[in-house]
N, C-alpha and C. Protein backbone atom coordinates (compact mmCIF):
# COMPACT_ATOMS: atom_id res chain seq x y z
N MET A 1 157.17 136.32 114.62
CA MET A 1 157.11 136.05 113.16
C MET A 1 155.71 136.25 112.60
N ILE A 2 154.53 135.91 113.38
CA ILE A 2 153.32 135.95 113.02
C ILE A 2 152.97 137.57 112.92
N ILE A 3 153.43 138.38 113.82
CA ILE A 3 153.27 139.82 113.63
C ILE A 3 153.89 140.43 112.47
N HIS A 4 155.06 139.96 112.18
CA HIS A 4 155.70 140.38 110.92
C HIS A 4 154.96 140.10 109.60
N PHE A 5 154.51 138.70 109.62
CA PHE A 5 153.76 138.35 108.51
C PHE A 5 152.42 139.10 108.27
N THR A 6 151.77 139.47 109.36
CA THR A 6 150.59 140.05 109.27
C THR A 6 150.80 141.51 108.76
N GLY A 7 151.91 142.12 109.35
CA GLY A 7 152.28 143.47 108.88
C GLY A 7 152.56 143.42 107.32
N VAL A 8 153.29 142.52 106.91
CA VAL A 8 153.51 142.49 105.43
C VAL A 8 152.24 142.40 104.59
N LEU A 9 151.26 141.56 105.17
CA LEU A 9 150.03 141.48 104.41
C LEU A 9 149.29 142.63 104.45
N ILE A 10 149.18 143.39 105.54
CA ILE A 10 148.41 144.68 105.63
C ILE A 10 149.15 145.69 104.67
N PHE A 11 150.46 145.69 104.60
CA PHE A 11 151.06 146.59 103.70
C PHE A 11 150.95 146.29 102.14
N LEU A 12 150.93 145.00 101.88
CA LEU A 12 150.54 144.56 100.46
C LEU A 12 149.04 144.94 100.15
N PHE A 13 148.27 144.68 101.12
CA PHE A 13 146.79 144.98 100.76
C PHE A 13 146.63 146.39 100.63
N PHE A 14 147.29 147.33 101.31
CA PHE A 14 147.13 148.68 101.20
C PHE A 14 147.57 149.13 99.84
N PHE A 15 148.69 148.65 99.41
CA PHE A 15 149.24 148.99 97.97
C PHE A 15 148.37 148.38 96.87
N PHE A 16 147.71 147.26 97.12
CA PHE A 16 146.85 146.75 96.09
C PHE A 16 145.53 147.58 96.03
N VAL A 17 145.10 148.01 97.14
CA VAL A 17 143.93 148.88 97.13
C VAL A 17 144.24 150.21 96.47
N LEU A 18 145.37 150.67 96.77
CA LEU A 18 145.93 152.09 96.17
C LEU A 18 146.08 151.84 94.70
N HIS A 19 146.55 150.77 94.22
CA HIS A 19 146.69 150.52 92.82
C HIS A 19 145.40 150.52 92.10
N ILE A 20 144.50 149.77 92.60
CA ILE A 20 143.12 149.65 92.01
C ILE A 20 142.45 151.11 92.01
N ALA A 21 142.53 151.75 93.11
CA ALA A 21 141.98 153.15 93.17
C ALA A 21 142.71 154.03 92.01
N LEU A 22 143.85 153.98 91.93
CA LEU A 22 144.63 154.71 90.81
C LEU A 22 144.15 154.38 89.43
N CYS A 23 143.83 153.09 89.13
CA CYS A 23 143.32 152.68 87.84
C CYS A 23 141.87 153.30 87.60
N VAL A 24 141.06 153.22 88.62
CA VAL A 24 139.73 153.77 88.63
C VAL A 24 139.74 155.17 88.29
N TRP A 25 140.65 155.88 89.11
CA TRP A 25 140.73 157.35 88.94
C TRP A 25 141.27 157.68 87.45
N GLY A 26 142.11 156.98 86.94
CA GLY A 26 142.60 157.34 85.66
C GLY A 26 141.52 157.12 84.54
N TYR A 27 140.75 156.00 84.73
CA TYR A 27 139.72 155.77 83.75
C TYR A 27 138.60 156.86 83.87
N ARG A 28 138.10 157.09 85.10
CA ARG A 28 137.20 158.16 85.26
C ARG A 28 137.57 159.60 84.87
N ASP A 29 138.82 159.85 85.17
CA ASP A 29 139.42 161.23 84.67
C ASP A 29 139.37 161.29 83.20
N SER A 30 139.83 160.23 82.45
CA SER A 30 139.82 160.45 81.05
C SER A 30 138.43 160.49 80.42
N ILE A 31 137.49 159.73 81.07
CA ILE A 31 135.94 159.85 80.57
C ILE A 31 135.49 161.29 80.91
N ARG A 32 135.88 161.80 82.10
CA ARG A 32 135.40 163.10 82.50
C ARG A 32 135.90 164.29 81.57
N ARG A 33 137.15 164.09 81.13
CA ARG A 33 137.80 165.15 80.19
C ARG A 33 137.28 164.93 78.68
N GLY A 34 136.28 164.08 78.51
CA GLY A 34 135.62 163.90 77.18
C GLY A 34 136.33 163.10 76.22
N ARG A 35 137.23 162.19 76.66
CA ARG A 35 137.97 161.17 75.82
C ARG A 35 136.98 160.01 75.47
N SER A 36 137.40 159.32 74.44
CA SER A 36 136.54 158.19 74.06
C SER A 36 136.69 157.00 75.01
N ASN A 37 135.74 156.07 74.99
CA ASN A 37 135.77 154.96 75.78
C ASN A 37 137.05 154.03 75.61
N GLU A 38 137.35 153.96 74.28
CA GLU A 38 138.66 153.20 73.89
C GLU A 38 139.90 153.83 74.59
N TYR A 39 139.91 155.06 74.46
CA TYR A 39 141.06 155.85 75.18
C TYR A 39 141.11 155.61 76.66
N ALA A 40 139.97 155.67 77.34
CA ALA A 40 139.92 155.47 78.63
C ALA A 40 140.31 153.99 79.10
N ILE A 41 139.96 152.94 78.25
CA ILE A 41 140.29 151.68 78.49
C ILE A 41 141.86 151.45 78.31
N ILE A 42 142.50 152.20 77.34
CA ILE A 42 143.86 152.09 77.22
C ILE A 42 144.56 152.79 78.35
N VAL A 43 143.99 153.75 78.86
CA VAL A 43 144.64 154.37 80.09
C VAL A 43 144.47 153.38 81.22
N LEU A 44 143.44 152.72 81.44
CA LEU A 44 143.15 151.81 82.54
C LEU A 44 144.12 150.60 82.42
N VAL A 45 144.32 150.06 81.29
CA VAL A 45 145.25 148.96 81.08
C VAL A 45 146.60 149.33 81.35
N GLY A 46 146.98 150.60 80.82
CA GLY A 46 148.33 151.13 81.08
C GLY A 46 148.57 151.38 82.57
N LEU A 47 147.66 151.82 83.24
CA LEU A 47 147.84 152.09 84.72
C LEU A 47 147.86 150.69 85.51
N LEU A 48 147.05 149.74 84.96
CA LEU A 48 147.04 148.38 85.52
C LEU A 48 148.37 147.61 85.51
N PHE A 49 149.01 147.63 84.30
CA PHE A 49 150.18 146.92 84.07
C PHE A 49 151.49 147.73 84.47
N PHE A 50 151.45 149.04 84.26
CA PHE A 50 152.65 149.80 84.54
C PHE A 50 152.23 151.06 85.43
N PRO A 51 152.07 150.70 86.68
CA PRO A 51 151.42 151.80 87.58
C PRO A 51 152.15 153.02 87.72
N VAL A 52 153.58 153.05 87.97
CA VAL A 52 154.30 154.14 88.12
C VAL A 52 154.47 154.88 86.78
N VAL A 53 155.09 154.14 85.87
CA VAL A 53 155.40 154.80 84.53
C VAL A 53 154.12 155.15 84.00
N GLY A 54 152.94 154.33 83.97
CA GLY A 54 151.75 154.82 83.38
C GLY A 54 151.13 156.06 84.03
N LEU A 55 151.31 156.28 85.18
CA LEU A 55 150.70 157.41 85.93
C LEU A 55 151.57 158.69 85.42
N ILE A 56 152.81 158.55 85.39
CA ILE A 56 153.67 159.61 84.96
C ILE A 56 153.22 159.96 83.36
N VAL A 57 153.17 158.98 82.55
CA VAL A 57 152.80 159.31 81.24
C VAL A 57 151.45 159.83 81.03
N TYR A 58 150.48 159.27 81.87
CA TYR A 58 149.09 159.78 81.74
C TYR A 58 149.07 161.36 82.19
N LEU A 59 149.82 161.61 83.27
CA LEU A 59 149.76 162.97 83.86
C LEU A 59 150.40 163.94 82.82
N ILE A 60 151.33 163.44 81.97
CA ILE A 60 151.87 164.33 80.97
C ILE A 60 151.00 164.52 79.81
N ILE A 61 150.45 163.42 79.26
CA ILE A 61 149.61 163.60 78.13
C ILE A 61 148.23 163.85 78.30
N ARG A 62 147.67 164.00 79.53
CA ARG A 62 146.28 164.38 79.71
C ARG A 62 145.96 165.81 79.52
N ASN A 63 146.95 166.59 79.65
CA ASN A 63 146.69 168.01 79.47
C ASN A 63 146.80 168.36 77.94
N ASP A 64 145.89 169.07 77.46
CA ASP A 64 145.81 169.39 75.99
C ASP A 64 146.68 170.49 75.67
């Protein structure tokens, strides 16, 4: 039981770190592409609250 619980915690921690890294990447990518700070913050919030859908939408709209 303890091994199972520890495995679940490690799994959840991994996806939490992946989620935060995705948010940071989206913010930095939008800044690097010359977008405004407001746009970058909108991207950050979108990826924070809607990780999968936000990533798909950002990947579609980021190309000019």
